[in-house]
Every structure is written in C-alpha cells, then in structure tokens.
Amino acid sequence: MSNVQKFAQALATDAALLEAYNASPEKVMLEYGLTKEEVNLILSGDMSALKKQLGDQEMKSFVVIATPSEK
C-alpha cells in the first residue's frame, strides 16, 4: 500500500487528522510523511493521476473526504 493510500485511509478514520487536514492540507500531508511529489499530486486535483495512485475504491473515498463542498 502506498503512502497516499495509507493517508487516504487515515483521513477516512481519524477525525482529528481530517480536521487538521482541512485547516492546513500541505502541512498535514508533509507531517504524515508524504513526499513533496505526493503532496503536489493531491493538491493538483488531477483525478486521473490520483486514481492511478489510489485505485478505484480508495479514490472514491478520498474524493469525498478530501474535497468537501465549499461553504
């Protein structure tokens, strides 16, 4: 399992991590251990590249969790 997959799963199960991520995504991802390239991939919003990294099921979860609707 890649670091990005582990991070996506952690966001789905750790409310404190999700709250911190929503406040400061790049900082939280780097502290979690993602590489700068992985952080840039996630922040880019490139769904095709993310799907390749995460796989179908994890991608669905990640999109829902990591891209909340704007208020």
C-alpha atoms as a PDB file:
ATOM      1  CA  MET A   1       0.000   0.000   0.000  1.00  0.00           C
ATOM      2  CA  SER A   2       1.392   3.393  -0.965  1.00  0.00           C
ATOM      3  CA  ASN A   3       1.768   6.330   1.403  1.00  0.00           C
ATOM      4  CA  VAL A   4      -1.009   8.113  -0.469  1.00  0.00           C
ATOM      5  CA  GLN A   5      -3.337   5.130   0.060  1.00  0.00           C
ATOM      6  CA  LYS A   6      -2.451   4.996   3.759  1.00  0.00           C
ATOM      7  CA  PHE A   7      -3.091   8.719   4.063  1.00  0.00           C
ATOM      8  CA  ALA A   8      -6.478   8.419   2.323  1.00  0.00           C
ATOM      9  CA  GLN A   9      -7.482   5.645   4.726  1.00  0.00           C
ATOM     10  CA  ALA A  10      -6.272   7.653   7.702  1.00  0.00           C
ATOM     11  CA  LEU A  11      -8.382  10.636   6.634  1.00  0.00           C
ATOM     12  CA  ALA A  12     -11.403   8.347   6.481  1.00  0.00           C
ATOM     13  CA  THR A  13     -10.913   7.024  10.013  1.00  0.00           C
ATOM     14  CA  ASP A  14      -9.205   9.771  12.022  1.00  0.00           C
ATOM     15  CA  ALA A  15     -11.422  12.790  12.707  1.00  0.00           C
ATOM     16  CA  ALA A  16      -8.581  14.816  14.227  1.00  0.00           C
ATOM     17  CA  LEU A  17      -6.396  14.216  11.176  1.00  0.00           C
ATOM     18  CA  LEU A  18      -9.236  15.253   8.873  1.00  0.00           C
ATOM     19  CA  GLU A  19      -9.831  18.428  10.873  1.00  0.00           C
ATOM     20  CA  ALA A  20      -6.127  19.290  10.747  1.00  0.00           C
ATOM     21  CA  TYR A  21      -6.047  18.488   7.013  1.00  0.00           C
ATOM     22  CA  ASN A  22      -8.965  20.810   6.340  1.00  0.00           C
ATOM     23  CA  ALA A  23      -7.139  23.602   8.186  1.00  0.00           C
ATOM     24  CA  SER A  24      -3.725  23.062   6.581  1.00  0.00           C
ATOM     25  CA  PRO A  25      -3.601  20.332   3.918  1.00  0.00           C
ATOM     26  CA  GLU A  26       0.016  20.657   2.797  1.00  0.00           C
ATOM     27  CA  LYS A  27       1.397  20.830   6.339  1.00  0.00           C
ATOM     28  CA  VAL A  28      -0.566  17.772   7.457  1.00  0.00           C
ATOM     29  CA  MET A  29       0.430  15.710   4.423  1.00  0.00           C
ATOM     30  CA  LEU A  30       4.118  16.512   4.884  1.00  0.00           C
ATOM     31  CA  GLU A  31       3.915  15.732   8.609  1.00  0.00           C
ATOM     32  CA  TYR A  32       2.233  12.420   7.743  1.00  0.00           C
ATOM     33  CA  GLY A  33       5.263  11.535   5.652  1.00  0.00           C
ATOM     34  CA  LEU A  34       4.068  12.116   2.119  1.00  0.00           C
ATOM     35  CA  THR A  35       6.722  13.283  -0.303  1.00  0.00           C
ATOM     36  CA  LYS A  36       6.518  16.718  -1.880  1.00  0.00           C
ATOM     37  CA  GLU A  37       5.597  14.975  -5.156  1.00  0.00           C
ATOM     38  CA  GLU A  38       2.721  13.109  -3.471  1.00  0.00           C
ATOM     39  CA  VAL A  39       1.521  16.332  -1.846  1.00  0.00           C
ATOM     40  CA  ASN A  40       1.647  18.134  -5.184  1.00  0.00           C
ATOM     41  CA  LEU A  41      -0.284  15.286  -6.810  1.00  0.00           C
ATOM     42  CA  ILE A  42      -3.073  15.565  -4.261  1.00  0.00           C
ATOM     43  CA  LEU A  43      -3.166  19.363  -4.345  1.00  0.00           C
ATOM     44  CA  SER A  44      -3.195  19.364  -8.156  1.00  0.00           C
ATOM     45  CA  GLY A  45      -6.632  17.787  -8.240  1.00  0.00           C
ATOM     46  CA  ASP A  46      -5.540  15.604 -11.178  1.00  0.00           C
ATOM     47  CA  MET A  47      -8.187  12.916 -10.760  1.00  0.00           C
ATOM     48  CA  SER A  48      -6.681  10.626 -13.387  1.00  0.00           C
ATOM     49  CA  ALA A  49      -3.265  10.607 -11.693  1.00  0.00           C
ATOM     50  CA  LEU A  50      -4.843  10.204  -8.243  1.00  0.00           C
ATOM     51  CA  LYS A  51      -6.906   7.265  -9.460  1.00  0.00           C
ATOM     52  CA  LYS A  52      -3.740   5.568 -10.728  1.00  0.00           C
ATOM     53  CA  GLN A  53      -2.116   6.086  -7.326  1.00  0.00           C
ATOM     54  CA  LEU A  54      -5.127   5.139  -5.181  1.00  0.00           C
ATOM     55  CA  GLY A  55      -7.140   2.632  -7.190  1.00  0.00           C
ATOM     56  CA  ASP A  56     -10.893   2.838  -7.722  1.00  0.00           C
ATOM     57  CA  GLN A  57     -12.260   2.232  -4.229  1.00  0.00           C
ATOM     58  CA  GLU A  58      -9.753   4.384  -2.349  1.00  0.00           C
ATOM     59  CA  MET A  59     -10.179   7.122  -4.956  1.00  0.00           C
ATOM     60  CA  LYS A  60     -13.909   7.326  -4.310  1.00  0.00           C
ATOM     61  CA  SER A  61     -13.361   7.661  -0.577  1.00  0.00           C
ATOM     62  CA  PHE A  62     -10.579  10.196  -0.978  1.00  0.00           C
ATOM     63  CA  VAL A  63     -12.584  12.469  -3.260  1.00  0.00           C
ATOM     64  CA  VAL A  64     -15.476  12.606  -0.794  1.00  0.00           C
ATOM     65  CA  ILE A  65     -13.242  13.202   2.220  1.00  0.00           C
ATOM     66  CA  ALA A  66     -10.567  15.477   0.813  1.00  0.00           C
ATOM     67  CA  THR A  67     -12.740  17.758  -1.293  1.00  0.00           C
ATOM     68  CA  PRO A  68     -15.604  18.924   0.913  1.00  0.00           C
ATOM     69  CA  SER A  69     -18.100  21.297  -0.635  1.00  0.00           C
ATOM     70  CA  GLU A  70     -17.391  24.975  -0.195  1.00  0.00           C
ATOM     71  CA  LYS A  71     -19.379  26.880   2.393  1.00  0.00           C
END
